[in-house]
Amino acid sequence: MSNNRNNIGLGIIAGLAAGAAAGWWLNSNRGRQWRKDNAERITEYGETVKDKASSGVQVVNDQMTSAVDKGKEYLVVLADMVKERLSETEEMVDDAEGAMKRGAKKAKSTIKETSSRVKKAVENGKA
């Protein structure tokens, strides 16, 4: 652990020394001339980085918009499919209801006919 602390301390000291040396050099006559000579190039690099970052953000934005639009399209298609299936199910229920009503009507009619025949048979047997 003390070895870690020593390494961190050495890193801080090295960073401070490098920063001090860079600051001293940039304020020297040669450093000022270098800054003057390279200021335009550094500005151009900054603009290039800014443009590339902006372009990258735009690409990501366009891709996200496209993905959202595709998601919306899929949801519309899915909603249409669900509506169609519900409509088909409703028709099947209506058909089943009609078949049950017809079956109940036929059963009622059959019961009446059978009841009438049994009644006649009983009357004929008694008479």
Protein backbone atom coordinates (compact mmCIF):
# COMPACT_ATOMS: atom_id res chain seq x y z
CA MET A 1 0.00 0.00 0.00
CA SER A 2 2.83 2.40 0.78
CA ASN A 3 4.28 1.53 -2.65
CA ASN A 4 0.98 2.70 -4.22
CA ARG A 5 1.17 5.97 -2.28
CA ASN A 6 4.75 6.49 -3.41
CA ASN A 7 3.74 5.94 -7.05
CA ILE A 8 0.83 8.37 -6.73
CA GLY A 9 3.09 10.95 -5.09
CA LEU A 10 5.71 10.52 -7.81
CA GLY A 11 3.02 10.86 -10.49
CA ILE A 12 1.74 14.11 -8.94
CA ILE A 13 5.27 15.51 -8.69
CA ALA A 14 6.04 14.50 -12.30
CA GLY A 15 2.80 16.10 -13.50
CA LEU A 16 3.54 19.32 -11.65
CA ALA A 17 7.07 19.39 -13.02
CA ALA A 18 5.87 18.77 -16.60
CA GLY A 19 3.22 21.48 -16.26
CA ALA A 20 5.74 23.95 -14.85
CA ALA A 21 8.22 23.17 -17.62
CA ALA A 22 5.55 23.55 -20.32
CA GLY A 23 4.36 26.83 -18.79
CA TRP A 24 7.91 28.18 -18.57
CA TRP A 25 8.69 27.15 -22.17
CA LEU A 26 5.40 28.55 -23.57
CA ASN A 27 6.21 31.90 -21.90
CA SER A 28 9.74 31.98 -23.31
CA ASN A 29 10.48 33.81 -26.60
CA ARG A 30 10.59 30.52 -28.52
CA GLY A 31 7.36 29.35 -26.83
CA ARG A 32 5.57 32.59 -27.70
CA GLN A 33 6.75 32.30 -31.31
CA TRP A 34 5.62 28.64 -31.44
CA ARG A 35 2.18 29.60 -30.09
CA LYS A 36 1.92 32.42 -32.64
CA ASP A 37 3.01 30.16 -35.51
CA ASN A 38 0.68 27.33 -34.50
CA ALA A 39 -2.36 29.23 -33.23
CA GLU A 40 -4.12 29.06 -36.61
CA ARG A 41 -3.35 25.35 -37.02
CA ILE A 42 -4.57 24.62 -33.49
CA THR A 43 -7.77 26.59 -34.20
CA GLU A 44 -8.25 24.62 -37.42
CA TYR A 45 -7.76 21.33 -35.57
CA GLY A 46 -10.28 22.49 -32.98
CA GLU A 47 -12.80 23.36 -35.71
CA THR A 48 -12.19 20.00 -37.42
CA VAL A 49 -12.76 18.13 -34.17
CA LYS A 50 -15.87 20.24 -33.50
CA ASP A 51 -17.23 19.54 -37.02
CA LYS A 52 -16.53 15.81 -36.77
CA ALA A 53 -18.17 15.63 -33.35
CA SER A 54 -21.18 17.57 -34.62
CA SER A 55 -21.40 15.30 -37.66
CA GLY A 56 -21.17 12.23 -35.42
CA VAL A 57 -23.93 13.57 -33.19
CA GLN A 58 -26.08 14.22 -36.26
CA VAL A 59 -25.51 10.67 -37.54
CA VAL A 60 -26.50 9.21 -34.17
CA ASN A 61 -29.52 11.52 -34.04
CA ASP A 62 -30.59 10.47 -37.54
CA GLN A 63 -30.17 6.79 -36.67
CA MET A 64 -32.20 7.20 -33.48
CA THR A 65 -34.94 9.04 -35.38
CA SER A 66 -34.97 6.29 -38.00
CA ALA A 67 -35.16 3.59 -35.32
CA VAL A 68 -38.05 5.39 -33.59
CA ASP A 69 -39.88 5.79 -36.90
CA LYS A 70 -39.42 2.10 -37.71
CA GLY A 71 -40.67 1.22 -34.24
CA LYS A 72 -43.78 3.34 -34.81
CA GLU A 73 -44.37 1.64 -38.18
CA TYR A 74 -44.07 -1.81 -36.57
CA LEU A 75 -46.52 -0.78 -33.86
CA VAL A 76 -49.04 0.39 -36.47
CA VAL A 77 -48.71 -2.93 -38.33
CA LEU A 78 -49.04 -4.84 -35.08
CA ALA A 79 -52.10 -2.82 -34.04
CA ASP A 80 -53.70 -3.53 -37.43
CA MET A 81 -53.01 -7.25 -37.01
CA VAL A 82 -54.54 -7.24 -33.53
CA LYS A 83 -57.62 -5.38 -34.80
CA GLU A 84 -58.00 -7.91 -37.62
CA ARG A 85 -57.71 -10.85 -35.22
CA LEU A 86 -60.25 -9.26 -32.87
CA SER A 87 -62.64 -8.74 -35.76
CA GLU A 88 -62.23 -12.37 -36.81
CA THR A 89 -62.79 -13.51 -33.23
CA GLU A 90 -65.91 -11.34 -32.97
CA GLU A 91 -67.26 -12.93 -36.16
CA MET A 92 -66.54 -16.40 -34.76
CA VAL A 93 -68.36 -15.55 -31.53
CA ASP A 94 -71.32 -14.18 -33.51
CA ASP A 95 -71.37 -17.37 -35.62
CA ALA A 96 -71.22 -19.53 -32.49
CA GLU A 97 -74.01 -17.50 -30.89
CA GLY A 98 -76.19 -17.92 -33.99
CA ALA A 99 -75.47 -21.64 -34.09
CA MET A 100 -76.40 -21.97 -30.41
CA LYS A 101 -79.66 -20.06 -30.95
CA ARG A 102 -80.52 -22.27 -33.94
CA GLY A 103 -79.64 -25.36 -31.91
CA ALA A 104 -81.77 -24.19 -28.96
CA LYS A 105 -84.68 -23.42 -31.30
CA LYS A 106 -84.38 -26.85 -32.93
CA ALA A 107 -84.14 -28.54 -29.53
CA LYS A 108 -87.23 -26.66 -28.34
CA SER A 109 -89.09 -27.65 -31.50
CA THR A 110 -87.99 -31.29 -31.11
CA ILE A 111 -89.12 -31.29 -27.46
CA LYS A 112 -92.51 -29.86 -28.45
CA GLU A 113 -92.95 -32.45 -31.20
CA THR A 114 -91.90 -35.29 -28.91
CA SER A 115 -94.13 -33.97 -26.13
CA SER A 116 -97.03 -33.76 -28.56
CA ARG A 117 -96.47 -37.34 -29.77
CA VAL A 118 -96.16 -38.64 -26.23
CA LYS A 119 -99.34 -36.78 -25.27
CA LYS A 120 -101.21 -38.25 -28.26
CA ALA A 121 -99.88 -41.72 -27.47
CA VAL A 122 -100.99 -41.40 -23.85
CA GLU A 123 -104.42 -40.12 -24.96
CA ASN A 124 -104.75 -42.92 -27.51
CA GLY A 125 -103.74 -45.48 -24.90
CA LYS A 126 -106.33 -44.15 -22.44
CA ALA A 127 -109.15 -43.61 -24.80
